PDB file of all heavy atoms in Angstrom:
ATOM      1  N   GLU A   1      17.807 -13.550  47.323  1.00  0.00           N
ATOM      2  CA  GLU A   1      18.651 -12.439  47.789  1.00  0.00           C
ATOM      3  C   GLU A   1      18.594 -11.308  46.772  1.00  0.00           C
ATOM      4  O   GLU A   1      18.536 -11.547  45.559  1.00  0.00           O
ATOM      5  CB  GLU A   1      20.106 -12.899  47.977  1.00  0.00           C
ATOM      6  CG  GLU A   1      21.045 -11.823  48.484  1.00  0.00           C
ATOM      7  CD  GLU A   1      22.484 -12.298  48.570  1.00  0.00           C
ATOM      8  OE1 GLU A   1      22.719 -13.525  48.457  1.00  0.00           O
ATOM      9  OE2 GLU A   1      23.377 -11.442  48.755  1.00  0.00           O
ATOM     10  N   ILE A   2      18.628 -10.065  47.293  1.00  0.00           N
ATOM     11  CA  ILE A   2      18.679  -8.877  46.428  1.00  0.00           C
ATOM     12  C   ILE A   2      19.781  -7.980  46.969  1.00  0.00           C
ATOM     13  O   ILE A   2      19.788  -7.634  48.162  1.00  0.00           O
ATOM     14  CB  ILE A   2      17.342  -8.093  46.451  1.00  0.00           C
ATOM     15  CG1 ILE A   2      16.158  -9.008  46.148  1.00  0.00           C
ATOM     16  CG2 ILE A   2      17.392  -6.934  45.456  1.00  0.00           C
ATOM     17  CD1 ILE A   2      14.814  -8.369  46.426  1.00  0.00           C
ATOM     18  N   ASN A   3      20.742  -7.641  46.114  1.00  0.00           N
ATOM     19  CA  ASN A   3      21.753  -6.652  46.517  1.00  0.00           C
ATOM     20  C   ASN A   3      21.857  -5.579  45.456  1.00  0.00           C
ATOM     21  O   ASN A   3      21.053  -5.527  44.524  1.00  0.00           O
ATOM     22  CB  ASN A   3      23.109  -7.312  46.808  1.00  0.00           C
ATOM     23  CG  ASN A   3      23.672  -8.041  45.604  1.00  0.00           C
ATOM     24  OD1 ASN A   3      23.625  -7.553  44.479  1.00  0.00           O
ATOM     25  ND2 ASN A   3      24.215  -9.240  45.826  1.00  0.00           N
ATOM     26  N   VAL A   4      22.829  -4.724  45.574  1.00  0.00           N
ATOM     27  CA  VAL A   4      22.917  -3.574  44.677  1.00  0.00           C
ATOM     28  C   VAL A   4      23.115  -4.003  43.234  1.00  0.00           C
ATOM     29  O   VAL A   4      22.621  -3.355  42.312  1.00  0.00           O
ATOM     30  CB  VAL A   4      24.051  -2.634  45.132  1.00  0.00           C
ATOM     31  CG1 VAL A   4      24.249  -1.499  44.133  1.00  0.00           C
ATOM     32  CG2 VAL A   4      23.751  -2.071  46.518  1.00  0.00           C
ATOM     33  N   PHE A   5      23.815  -5.118  43.016  1.00  0.00           N
ATOM     34  CA  PHE A   5      24.214  -5.473  41.658  1.00  0.00           C
ATOM     35  C   PHE A   5      23.395  -6.606  41.042  1.00  0.00           C
ATOM     36  O   PHE A   5      23.138  -6.606  39.844  1.00  0.00           O
ATOM     37  CB  PHE A   5      25.699  -5.851  41.624  1.00  0.00           C
ATOM     38  CG  PHE A   5      26.616  -4.741  42.044  1.00  0.00           C
ATOM     39  CD1 PHE A   5      27.215  -4.755  43.295  1.00  0.00           C
ATOM     40  CD2 PHE A   5      26.871  -3.669  41.207  1.00  0.00           C
ATOM     41  CE1 PHE A   5      28.055  -3.734  43.689  1.00  0.00           C
ATOM     42  CE2 PHE A   5      27.709  -2.642  41.584  1.00  0.00           C
ATOM     43  CZ  PHE A   5      28.304  -2.672  42.845  1.00  0.00           C
ATOM     44  N   VAL A   6      23.008  -7.585  41.843  1.00  0.00           N
ATOM     45  CA  VAL A   6      22.356  -8.767  41.272  1.00  0.00           C
ATOM     46  C   VAL A   6      21.173  -9.191  42.139  1.00  0.00           C
ATOM     47  O   VAL A   6      21.059  -8.795  43.302  1.00  0.00           O
ATOM     48  CB  VAL A   6      23.342  -9.954  41.148  1.00  0.00           C
ATOM     49  CG1 VAL A   6      24.443  -9.649  40.168  1.00  0.00           C
ATOM     50  CG2 VAL A   6      23.909 -10.328  42.521  1.00  0.00           C
ATOM     51  N   THR A   7      20.327 -10.014  41.517  1.00  0.00           N
ATOM     52  CA  THR A   7      19.212 -10.649  42.222  1.00  0.00           C
ATOM     53  C   THR A   7      19.370 -12.160  42.103  1.00  0.00           C
ATOM     54  O   THR A   7      19.610 -12.675  41.003  1.00  0.00           O
ATOM     55  CB  THR A   7      17.865 -10.211  41.614  1.00  0.00           C
ATOM     56  OG1 THR A   7      17.670  -8.818  41.833  1.00  0.00           O
ATOM     57  CG2 THR A   7      16.714 -10.976  42.244  1.00  0.00           C
ATOM     58  N   HIS A   8      19.246 -12.853  43.230  1.00  0.00           N
ATOM     59  CA  HIS A   8      19.359 -14.314  43.248  1.00  0.00           C
ATOM     60  C   HIS A   8      17.961 -14.910  43.311  1.00  0.00           C
ATOM     61  O   HIS A   8      17.187 -14.586  44.214  1.00  0.00           O
ATOM     62  CB  HIS A   8      20.152 -14.780  44.475  1.00  0.00           C
ATOM     63  CG  HIS A   8      21.561 -14.260  44.512  1.00  0.00           C
ATOM     64  ND1 HIS A   8      22.661 -15.069  44.296  1.00  0.00           N
ATOM     65  CD2 HIS A   8      22.053 -13.018  44.762  1.00  0.00           C
ATOM     66  CE1 HIS A   8      23.766 -14.344  44.407  1.00  0.00           C
ATOM     67  NE2 HIS A   8      23.409 -13.096  44.690  1.00  0.00           N
ATOM     68  N   ILE A   9      17.650 -15.781  42.365  1.00  0.00           N
ATOM     69  CA  ILE A   9      16.385 -16.515  42.426  1.00  0.00           C
ATOM     70  C   ILE A   9      16.687 -18.008  42.278  1.00  0.00           C
ATOM     71  O   ILE A   9      17.679 -18.389  41.642  1.00  0.00           O
ATOM     72  CB  ILE A   9      15.373 -16.059  41.348  1.00  0.00           C
ATOM     73  CG1 ILE A   9      15.912 -16.342  39.941  1.00  0.00           C
ATOM     74  CG2 ILE A   9      15.036 -14.582  41.503  1.00  0.00           C
ATOM     75  CD1 ILE A   9      14.910 -16.023  38.842  1.00  0.00           C
ATOM     76  N   GLU A  10      15.848 -18.830  42.877  1.00  0.00           N
ATOM     77  CA  GLU A  10      16.087 -20.274  42.896  1.00  0.00           C
ATOM     78  C   GLU A  10      14.855 -21.003  42.393  1.00  0.00           C
ATOM     79  O   GLU A  10      13.722 -20.647  42.747  1.00  0.00           O
ATOM     80  CB  GLU A  10      16.428 -20.725  44.320  1.00  0.00           C
ATOM     81  CG  GLU A  10      16.817 -22.194  44.424  1.00  0.00           C
ATOM     82  CD  GLU A  10      17.245 -22.577  45.835  1.00  0.00           C
ATOM     83  OE1 GLU A  10      17.921 -21.756  46.493  1.00  0.00           O
ATOM     84  OE2 GLU A  10      16.875 -23.684  46.283  1.00  0.00           O
ATOM     85  N   SER A  11      15.120 -22.018  41.566  1.00  0.00           N
ATOM     86  CA  SER A  11      14.023 -22.826  41.023  1.00  0.00           C
ATOM     87  C   SER A  11      14.510 -24.254  40.848  1.00  0.00           C
ATOM     88  O   SER A  11      15.520 -24.489  40.147  1.00  0.00           O
ATOM     89  CB  SER A  11      13.554 -22.267  39.676  1.00  0.00           C
ATOM     90  OG  SER A  11      12.558 -23.092  39.095  1.00  0.00           O
ATOM     91  N   ASP A  12      13.818 -25.199  41.489  1.00  0.00           N
ATOM     92  CA  ASP A  12      14.167 -26.627  41.385  1.00  0.00           C
ATOM     93  C   ASP A  12      15.644 -26.867  41.712  1.00  0.00           C
ATOM     94  O   ASP A  12      16.392 -27.502  40.950  1.00  0.00           O
ATOM     95  CB  ASP A  12      13.856 -27.163  39.977  1.00  0.00           C
ATOM     96  CG  ASP A  12      12.368 -27.111  39.663  1.00  0.00           C
ATOM     97  OD1 ASP A  12      11.569 -27.246  40.618  1.00  0.00           O
ATOM     98  OD2 ASP A  12      12.023 -26.908  38.486  1.00  0.00           O
ATOM     99  N   GLU A  13      16.069 -26.291  42.839  1.00  0.00           N
ATOM    100  CA  GLU A  13      17.439 -26.443  43.342  1.00  0.00           C
ATOM    101  C   GLU A  13      18.485 -25.878  42.390  1.00  0.00           C
ATOM    102  O   GLU A  13      19.669 -26.230  42.467  1.00  0.00           O
ATOM    103  CB  GLU A  13      17.746 -27.911  43.637  1.00  0.00           C
ATOM    104  CG  GLU A  13      16.853 -28.511  44.720  1.00  0.00           C
ATOM    105  CD  GLU A  13      17.228 -29.939  45.054  1.00  0.00           C
ATOM    106  OE1 GLU A  13      18.098 -30.504  44.349  1.00  0.00           O
ATOM    107  OE2 GLU A  13      16.656 -30.489  46.004  1.00  0.00           O
ATOM    108  N   VAL A  14      18.077 -25.008  41.491  1.00  0.00           N
ATOM    109  CA  VAL A  14      18.997 -24.308  40.599  1.00  0.00           C
ATOM    110  C   VAL A  14      18.925 -22.824  40.922  1.00  0.00           C
ATOM    111  O   VAL A  14      17.839 -22.242  40.950  1.00  0.00           O
ATOM    112  CB  VAL A  14      18.642 -24.546  39.112  1.00  0.00           C
ATOM    113  CG1 VAL A  14      19.583 -23.743  38.212  1.00  0.00           C
ATOM    114  CG2 VAL A  14      18.729 -26.032  38.785  1.00  0.00           C
ATOM    115  N   GLU A  15      20.088 -22.213  41.178  1.00  0.00           N
ATOM    116  CA  GLU A  15      20.121 -20.789  41.530  1.00  0.00           C
ATOM    117  C   GLU A  15      20.518 -19.965  40.305  1.00  0.00           C
ATOM    118  O   GLU A  15      21.506 -20.260  39.633  1.00  0.00           O
ATOM    119  CB  GLU A  15      21.119 -20.531  42.664  1.00  0.00           C
ATOM    120  CG  GLU A  15      21.137 -19.081  43.126  1.00  0.00           C
ATOM    121  CD  GLU A  15      22.117 -18.837  44.259  1.00  0.00           C
ATOM    122  OE1 GLU A  15      22.979 -19.712  44.497  1.00  0.00           O
ATOM    123  OE2 GLU A  15      22.039 -17.776  44.897  1.00  0.00           O
ATOM    124  N   TYR A  16      19.730 -18.933  40.039  1.00  0.00           N
ATOM    125  CA  TYR A  16      20.020 -18.014  38.939  1.00  0.00           C
ATOM    126  C   TYR A  16      20.464 -16.671  39.530  1.00  0.00           C
ATOM    127  O   TYR A  16      19.818 -16.158  40.450  1.00  0.00           O
ATOM    128  CB  TYR A  16      18.782 -17.799  38.064  1.00  0.00           C
ATOM    129  CG  TYR A  16      18.271 -19.068  37.408  1.00  0.00           C
ATOM    130  CD1 TYR A  16      17.266 -19.816  38.011  1.00  0.00           C
ATOM    131  CD2 TYR A  16      18.784 -19.505  36.187  1.00  0.00           C
ATOM    132  CE1 TYR A  16      16.784 -20.974  37.419  1.00  0.00           C
ATOM    133  CE2 TYR A  16      18.300 -20.655  35.584  1.00  0.00           C
ATOM    134  CZ  TYR A  16      17.311 -21.397  36.210  1.00  0.00           C
ATOM    135  OH  TYR A  16      16.851 -22.547  35.617  1.00  0.00           O
ATOM    136  N   ILE A  17      21.538 -16.154  38.986  1.00  0.00           N
ATOM    137  CA  ILE A  17      22.053 -14.855  39.431  1.00  0.00           C
ATOM    138  C   ILE A  17      21.879 -13.884  38.270  1.00  0.00           C
ATOM    139  O   ILE A  17      22.550 -13.992  37.240  1.00  0.00           O
ATOM    140  CB  ILE A  17      23.527 -14.959  39.845  1.00  0.00           C
ATOM    141  CG1 ILE A  17      23.686 -15.985  40.973  1.00  0.00           C
ATOM    142  CG2 ILE A  17      24.064 -13.600  40.291  1.00  0.00           C
ATOM    143  CD1 ILE A  17      25.104 -16.312  41.317  1.00  0.00           C
ATOM    144  N   ILE A  18      20.955 -12.946  38.440  1.00  0.00           N
ATOM    145  CA  ILE A  18      20.551 -12.063  37.341  1.00  0.00           C
ATOM    146  C   ILE A  18      21.015 -10.633  37.635  1.00  0.00           C
ATOM    147  O   ILE A  18      20.666 -10.083  38.687  1.00  0.00           O
ATOM    148  CB  ILE A  18      19.022 -12.090  37.167  1.00  0.00           C
ATOM    149  CG1 ILE A  18      18.557 -13.533  36.931  1.00  0.00           C
ATOM    150  CG2 ILE A  18      18.589 -11.182  36.028  1.00  0.00           C
ATOM    151  CD1 ILE A  18      17.062 -13.685  36.888  1.00  0.00           C
ATOM    152  N   PRO A  19      21.815 -10.031  36.752  1.00  0.00           N
ATOM    153  CA  PRO A  19      22.213  -8.630  36.944  1.00  0.00           C
ATOM    154  C   PRO A  19      20.987  -7.720  37.010  1.00  0.00           C
ATOM    155  O   PRO A  19      20.011  -7.912  36.284  1.00  0.00           O
ATOM    156  CB  PRO A  19      23.073  -8.331  35.718  1.00  0.00           C
ATOM    157  CG  PRO A  19      23.556  -9.672  35.253  1.00  0.00           C
ATOM    158  CD  PRO A  19      22.446 -10.630  35.566  1.00  0.00           C
ATOM    159  N   ASN A  20      21.030  -6.748  37.867  1.00  0.00           N
ATOM    160  CA  ASN A  20      19.860  -5.897  38.094  1.00  0.00           C
ATOM    161  C   ASN A  20      19.482  -5.051  36.884  1.00  0.00           C
ATOM    162  O   ASN A  20      18.334  -4.644  36.749  1.00  0.00           O
ATOM    163  CB  ASN A  20      20.103  -4.989  39.302  1.00  0.00           C
ATOM    164  CG  ASN A  20      19.977  -5.752  40.602  1.00  0.00           C
ATOM    165  OD1 ASN A  20      19.279  -6.755  40.679  1.00  0.00           O
ATOM    166  ND2 ASN A  20      20.676  -5.314  41.631  1.00  0.00           N
ATOM    167  N   GLN A  21      20.446  -4.765  35.979  1.00  0.00           N
ATOM    168  CA  GLN A  21      20.064  -3.994  34.809  1.00  0.00           C
ATOM    169  C   GLN A  21      19.145  -4.806  33.890  1.00  0.00           C
ATOM    170  O   GLN A  21      18.318  -4.237  33.166  1.00  0.00           O
ATOM    171  CB  GLN A  21      21.288  -3.476  34.036  1.00  0.00           C
ATOM    172  CG  GLN A  21      22.065  -4.520  33.244  1.00  0.00           C
ATOM    173  CD  GLN A  21      23.217  -5.060  34.051  1.00  0.00           C
ATOM    174  OE1 GLN A  21      23.126  -5.160  35.260  1.00  0.00           O
ATOM    175  NE2 GLN A  21      24.306  -5.392  33.391  1.00  0.00           N
ATOM    176  N   ARG A  22      19.257  -6.141  33.933  1.00  0.00           N
ATOM    177  CA  ARG A  22      18.321  -6.973  33.165  1.00  0.00           C
ATOM    178  C   ARG A  22      16.930  -6.911  33.782  1.00  0.00           C
ATOM    179  O   ARG A  22      15.924  -6.893  33.071  1.00  0.00           O
ATOM    180  CB  ARG A  22      18.814  -8.426  33.131  1.00  0.00           C
ATOM    181  CG  ARG A  22      19.964  -8.657  32.165  1.00  0.00           C
ATOM    182  CD  ARG A  22      20.413 -10.095  32.203  1.00  0.00           C
ATOM    183  NE  ARG A  22      19.327 -11.025  31.914  1.00  0.00           N
ATOM    184  CZ  ARG A  22      19.420 -12.341  32.094  1.00  0.00           C
ATOM    185  NH1 ARG A  22      20.546 -12.879  32.563  1.00  0.00           N
ATOM    186  NH2 ARG A  22      18.390 -13.116  31.796  1.00  0.00           N
ATOM    187  N   VAL A  23      16.886  -6.881  35.112  1.00  0.00           N
ATOM    188  CA  VAL A  23      15.587  -6.749  35.783  1.00  0.00           C
ATOM    189  C   VAL A  23      14.948  -5.420  35.414  1.00  0.00           C
ATOM    190  O   VAL A  23      13.756  -5.332  35.105  1.00  0.00           O
ATOM    191  CB  VAL A  23      15.776  -6.848  37.312  1.00  0.00           C
ATOM    192  CG1 VAL A  23      14.433  -6.710  38.024  1.00  0.00           C
ATOM    193  CG2 VAL A  23      16.448  -8.165  37.681  1.00  0.00           C
ATOM    194  N   PHE A  24      15.755  -4.370  35.450  1.00  0.00           N
ATOM    195  CA  PHE A  24      15.240  -3.025  35.170  1.00  0.00           C
ATOM    196  C   PHE A  24      14.845  -2.889  33.701  1.00  0.00           C
ATOM    197  O   PHE A  24      13.858  -2.236  33.370  1.00  0.00           O
ATOM    198  CB  PHE A  24      16.320  -1.996  35.532  1.00  0.00           C
ATOM    199  CG  PHE A  24      15.837  -0.587  35.518  1.00  0.00           C
ATOM    200  CD1 PHE A  24      15.087  -0.070  36.571  1.00  0.00           C
ATOM    201  CD2 PHE A  24      16.112   0.252  34.443  1.00  0.00           C
ATOM    202  CE1 PHE A  24      14.638   1.232  36.560  1.00  0.00           C
ATOM    203  CE2 PHE A  24      15.662   1.547  34.416  1.00  0.00           C
ATOM    204  CZ  PHE A  24      14.926   2.046  35.480  1.00  0.00           C
ATOM    205  N   LYS A  25      15.605  -3.524  32.808  1.00  0.00           N
ATOM    206  CA  LYS A  25      15.355  -3.372  31.373  1.00  0.00           C
ATOM    207  C   LYS A  25      14.220  -4.275  30.888  1.00  0.00           C
ATOM    208  O   LYS A  25      13.360  -3.856  30.105  1.00  0.00           O
ATOM    209  CB  LYS A  25      16.645  -3.691  30.599  1.00  0.00           C
ATOM    210  CG  LYS A  25      16.535  -3.475  29.101  1.00  0.00           C
ATOM    211  CD  LYS A  25      17.885  -3.732  28.427  1.00  0.00           C
ATOM    212  CE  LYS A  25      17.791  -3.506  26.926  1.00  0.00           C
ATOM    213  NZ  LYS A  25      19.099  -3.741  26.252  1.00  0.00           N
ATOM    214  N   ARG A  26      14.224  -5.523  31.350  1.00  0.00           N
ATOM    215  CA  ARG A  26      13.239  -6.497  30.859  1.00  0.00           C
ATOM    216  C   ARG A  26      11.937  -6.474  31.668  1.00  0.00           C
ATOM    217  O   ARG A  26      10.905  -6.943  31.186  1.00  0.00           O
ATOM    218  CB  ARG A  26      13.826  -7.908  30.926  1.00  0.00           C
ATOM    219  CG  ARG A  26      15.116  -8.078  30.153  1.00  0.00           C
ATOM    220  CD  ARG A  26      14.888  -8.013  28.664  1.00  0.00           C
ATOM    221  NE  ARG A  26      16.124  -8.277  27.926  1.00  0.00           N
ATOM    222  CZ  ARG A  26      16.213  -8.274  26.613  1.00  0.00           C
ATOM    223  NH1 ARG A  26      15.140  -7.998  25.880  1.00  0.00           N
ATOM    224  NH2 ARG A  26      17.359  -8.507  26.018  1.00  0.00           N
ATOM    225  N   GLY A  27      12.030  -5.974  32.888  1.00  0.00           N
ATOM    226  CA  GLY A  27      10.857  -5.989  33.736  1.00  0.00           C
ATOM    227  C   GLY A  27      10.719  -7.310  34.478  1.00  0.00           C
ATOM    228  O   GLY A  27      11.456  -8.275  34.230  1.00  0.00           O
ATOM    229  N   ILE A  28       9.760  -7.382  35.393  1.00  0.00           N
ATOM    230  CA  ILE A  28       9.554  -8.585  36.178  1.00  0.00           C
ATOM    231  C   ILE A  28       8.073  -8.951  36.166  1.00  0.00           C
ATOM    232  O   ILE A  28       7.204  -8.113  35.938  1.00  0.00           O
ATOM    233  CB  ILE A  28      10.006  -8.393  37.650  1.00  0.00           C
ATOM    234  CG1 ILE A  28       9.213  -7.259  38.308  1.00  0.00           C
ATOM    235  CG2 ILE A  28      11.499  -8.117  37.744  1.00  0.00           C
ATOM    236  CD1 ILE A  28       9.452  -7.149  39.780  1.00  0.00           C
ATOM    237  N   VAL A  29       7.855 -10.235  36.411  1.00  0.00           N
ATOM    238  CA  VAL A  29       6.477 -10.724  36.587  1.00  0.00           C
ATOM    239  C   VAL A  29       6.427 -11.324  37.978  1.00  0.00           C
ATOM    240  O   VAL A  29       7.112 -12.326  38.265  1.00  0.00           O
ATOM    241  CB  VAL A  29       6.119 -11.784  35.522  1.00  0.00           C
ATOM    242  CG1 VAL A  29       4.716 -12.329  35.780  1.00  0.00           C
ATOM    243  CG2 VAL A  29       6.213 -11.191  34.121  1.00  0.00           C
TER     244      VAL A  29
END
């Protein structure tokens, strides 16, 4: 899921909720 504030990613049945400023600052692969 992607919304205005956070991005939800899931790995091995574990969900991570990452603030979008971290995505913007750290970048994505």
